[in-house]
Amino acid sequence: MLTIICGEDSIASRNYFLNQQKIFTEKGYEIVNIDYRLVLELDESEASSASLFTKKRIYFTSNLNKKVLKKLNVKTEKKIKDIITSNEIRLFDWEEETSARDLKSIKEIVIKELKPSQTIFKLLDSCYPGNLKQFITILKTISESTEDIFIFIMLARHMRNILITKLGERLPKLMSWQIAKLSNQAKYWKQENLINFYQGLHRIDVNSKTNRTPYSIKESLDILACYYLS
């Protein structure tokens, strides 16, 4: 059995992945973390063998979709399908910042997708000059239930895409309606201010990782927004 844990909310998906390890440990299973390169070597007899202290083995890996499933040949695809249909092998895979639609489509894979709340997208759409009040209000609301680091990651990624669009460069992985939406939001920004805002996000990232600021990520975003979105 293969379960893929994924979603744009990488923090929530990672926590879910780790929580599965905790749940199965409490049930008496042996947790085995393996490199994705070793997944094709999994054996039913080894997976089902019990020790003095545990029932069976549960395997956990990451990047299986990116590194293995999207590069299958006839032989390796058969092995993956054997794992999927096996009653003895149980494998969990974590895919960071990957939507279910981007996964390799193979029947009977169990997919657990952790999606961001719709409020985060409202926050991203509200990030433009002249819209300070709405941005601050949404940021305050969402920070009560969402980790600051996830809010920051989503905002930084979004503003990077707006900047790329503003500079006239292509975003090949996005659909036409997404690019049109970014272009519309980019019109509110002067290019210089947009570059400075994005550089401000970079400084927040560096300062938070090096403890160079007394402010939290959320407080730093408040300050940056007050300067550029008023």
Foldseek 3Di string as FASTA:
>chain_A
DEEEQEEQLQVVSVVVLVVVVVVQVVVFEAEAEDELVCLLVDDLVQQQDDDPGGGGYAYEYEPNQVPPVVDDDPVSVVSVVCQLPDPRYHYYYYYGSDAPVPGRDDPNHHYHYDYDDVLLVVLLLQQFAPRLVVNLVSLVVVVVPDPLVSSLVVNLVSLVLLLCLLVVHDDVVDDPVVSVSSPVRNVRDDNVLSVVLSVLSVVLVVCVVVVVDPDDSSVSVSVSCVVGHD
